[in-house]
């Protein structure tokens, strides 16, 4: 159970991993940059498990075509260049 303003180390790592995965999805699959990631725009919910939502896309921008020419893949929250034959997912 999350308590206001108290996040344990393992819980913090899990939340950061979720944020990295969400941002990787935005960049690699949707081609969008948020431009306003800050604590007030990160919403944390706990139902059966922790869930992270990124809010306020008012400053978000679509990546330019020049950025799309550099291939990257998101694997388990990590963004890296793909190995030959690897898909962008």
C-alpha atoms as a PDB file:
ATOM      1  CA  UNK A   1       0.000   0.000   0.000  1.00  0.00           C
ATOM      2  CA  UNK A   2       1.340   3.408  -0.963  1.00  0.00           C
ATOM      3  CA  UNK A   3       1.400   6.074   1.720  1.00  0.00           C
ATOM      4  CA  UNK A   4       1.436   9.752   0.735  1.00  0.00           C
ATOM      5  CA  UNK A   5       4.999  10.977   0.060  1.00  0.00           C
ATOM      6  CA  UNK A   6       6.587   7.625   1.021  1.00  0.00           C
ATOM      7  CA  UNK A   7       7.891   5.296  -1.693  1.00  0.00           C
ATOM      8  CA  UNK A   8      10.200   2.377  -0.910  1.00  0.00           C
ATOM      9  CA  UNK A   9      13.283   1.640  -3.001  1.00  0.00           C
ATOM     10  CA  UNK A  10      11.835  -1.425  -4.781  1.00  0.00           C
ATOM     11  CA  UNK A  11       8.570   0.425  -5.426  1.00  0.00           C
ATOM     12  CA  UNK A  12      10.469   3.429  -6.805  1.00  0.00           C
ATOM     13  CA  UNK A  13      12.454   1.178  -9.174  1.00  0.00           C
ATOM     14  CA  UNK A  14       9.215  -0.406 -10.398  1.00  0.00           C
ATOM     15  CA  UNK A  15       7.622   3.008 -10.988  1.00  0.00           C
ATOM     16  CA  UNK A  16      10.698   4.293 -12.848  1.00  0.00           C
ATOM     17  CA  UNK A  17      10.704   1.178 -15.011  1.00  0.00           C
ATOM     18  CA  UNK A  18       7.032   1.760 -15.856  1.00  0.00           C
ATOM     19  CA  UNK A  19       7.748   5.398 -16.747  1.00  0.00           C
ATOM     20  CA  UNK A  20      10.694   4.387 -18.948  1.00  0.00           C
ATOM     21  CA  UNK A  21       8.510   1.838 -20.744  1.00  0.00           C
ATOM     22  CA  UNK A  22       5.735   4.408 -21.255  1.00  0.00           C
ATOM     23  CA  UNK A  23       8.165   7.021 -22.596  1.00  0.00           C
ATOM     24  CA  UNK A  24       9.839   4.444 -24.848  1.00  0.00           C
ATOM     25  CA  UNK A  25       6.427   3.523 -26.248  1.00  0.00           C
ATOM     26  CA  UNK A  26       5.656   7.194 -26.938  1.00  0.00           C
ATOM     27  CA  UNK A  27       9.001   7.740 -28.679  1.00  0.00           C
ATOM     28  CA  UNK A  28       9.354   4.469 -30.596  1.00  0.00           C
ATOM     29  CA  UNK A  29       5.772   3.565 -31.484  1.00  0.00           C
ATOM     30  CA  UNK A  30       3.816   6.836 -31.467  1.00  0.00           C
ATOM     31  CA  UNK A  31       6.714   9.188 -32.376  1.00  0.00           C
ATOM     32  CA  UNK A  32       5.758  11.720 -29.713  1.00  0.00           C
ATOM     33  CA  UNK A  33       7.912  13.617 -27.200  1.00  0.00           C
ATOM     34  CA  UNK A  34       6.078  14.686 -24.024  1.00  0.00           C
ATOM     35  CA  UNK A  35       8.223  17.788 -23.189  1.00  0.00           C
ATOM     36  CA  UNK A  36       6.744  18.236 -19.696  1.00  0.00           C
ATOM     37  CA  UNK A  37       7.624  15.162 -17.599  1.00  0.00           C
ATOM     38  CA  UNK A  38       7.622  16.267 -13.964  1.00  0.00           C
ATOM     39  CA  UNK A  39       6.244  14.870 -10.698  1.00  0.00           C
ATOM     40  CA  UNK A  40       2.927  16.724 -11.118  1.00  0.00           C
ATOM     41  CA  UNK A  41       2.334  14.995 -14.475  1.00  0.00           C
ATOM     42  CA  UNK A  42       3.018  11.471 -13.213  1.00  0.00           C
ATOM     43  CA  UNK A  43      -0.099   9.874 -11.763  1.00  0.00           C
ATOM     44  CA  UNK A  44       0.303   6.761  -9.618  1.00  0.00           C
ATOM     45  CA  UNK A  45      -2.645   4.473  -8.881  1.00  0.00           C
ATOM     46  CA  UNK A  46      -2.805   1.277  -6.913  1.00  0.00           C
ATOM     47  CA  UNK A  47      -5.540  -1.235  -7.630  1.00  0.00           C
ATOM     48  CA  UNK A  48      -4.421  -4.862  -7.699  1.00  0.00           C
ATOM     49  CA  UNK A  49      -0.946  -3.593  -8.584  1.00  0.00           C
ATOM     50  CA  UNK A  50       0.807  -0.264  -9.161  1.00  0.00           C
ATOM     51  CA  UNK A  51      -0.103   1.641 -12.302  1.00  0.00           C
ATOM     52  CA  UNK A  52       1.561   4.759 -13.728  1.00  0.00           C
ATOM     53  CA  UNK A  53      -0.165   7.267 -15.997  1.00  0.00           C
ATOM     54  CA  UNK A  54       1.524  10.158 -17.768  1.00  0.00           C
ATOM     55  CA  UNK A  55      -0.663  13.286 -17.844  1.00  0.00           C
ATOM     56  CA  UNK A  56      -0.752  16.702 -19.537  1.00  0.00           C
ATOM     57  CA  UNK A  57       0.260  16.297 -23.162  1.00  0.00           C
ATOM     58  CA  UNK A  58      -0.245  20.009 -23.840  1.00  0.00           C
ATOM     59  CA  UNK A  59       3.424  20.550 -24.782  1.00  0.00           C
ATOM     60  CA  UNK A  60       3.825  17.197 -26.566  1.00  0.00           C
ATOM     61  CA  UNK A  61       5.212  17.260 -30.099  1.00  0.00           C
ATOM     62  CA  UNK A  62       5.480  14.718 -32.876  1.00  0.00           C
ATOM     63  CA  UNK A  63       9.058  13.697 -33.648  1.00  0.00           C
ATOM     64  CA  UNK A  64      10.372  15.122 -36.920  1.00  0.00           C
ATOM     65  CA  UNK A  65      11.068  12.894 -39.899  1.00  0.00           C
ATOM     66  CA  UNK A  66      14.837  13.271 -39.418  1.00  0.00           C
ATOM     67  CA  UNK A  67      14.557  11.661 -35.965  1.00  0.00           C
ATOM     68  CA  UNK A  68      12.599   8.753 -37.447  1.00  0.00           C
ATOM     69  CA  UNK A  69      15.536   7.750 -39.638  1.00  0.00           C
ATOM     70  CA  UNK A  70      17.494   6.544 -36.595  1.00  0.00           C
ATOM     71  CA  UNK A  71      16.016   3.176 -35.611  1.00  0.00           C
ATOM     72  CA  UNK A  72      15.588   2.303 -31.944  1.00  0.00           C
ATOM     73  CA  UNK A  73      13.780  -0.495 -30.148  1.00  0.00           C
ATOM     74  CA  UNK A  74      12.252  -0.633 -26.684  1.00  0.00           C
ATOM     75  CA  UNK A  75      13.036  -3.845 -24.821  1.00  0.00           C
ATOM     76  CA  UNK A  76      11.864  -4.155 -21.223  1.00  0.00           C
ATOM     77  CA  UNK A  77      11.907  -0.404 -20.680  1.00  0.00           C
ATOM     78  CA  UNK A  78      15.345  -0.044 -22.330  1.00  0.00           C
ATOM     79  CA  UNK A  79      15.792   1.915 -25.565  1.00  0.00           C
ATOM     80  CA  UNK A  80      18.613   0.813 -27.839  1.00  0.00           C
ATOM     81  CA  UNK A  81      19.513   0.374 -31.501  1.00  0.00           C
ATOM     82  CA  UNK A  82      18.126  -2.859 -32.915  1.00  0.00           C
ATOM     83  CA  UNK A  83      20.125  -5.949 -33.760  1.00  0.00           C
ATOM     84  CA  UNK A  84      19.861  -6.979 -37.451  1.00  0.00           C
ATOM     85  CA  UNK A  85      16.395  -8.403 -38.120  1.00  0.00           C
ATOM     86  CA  UNK A  86      14.872  -7.173 -34.838  1.00  0.00           C
ATOM     87  CA  UNK A  87      11.515  -5.375 -34.958  1.00  0.00           C
ATOM     88  CA  UNK A  88      10.776  -1.936 -33.446  1.00  0.00           C
ATOM     89  CA  UNK A  89       8.518  -3.356 -30.718  1.00  0.00           C
END
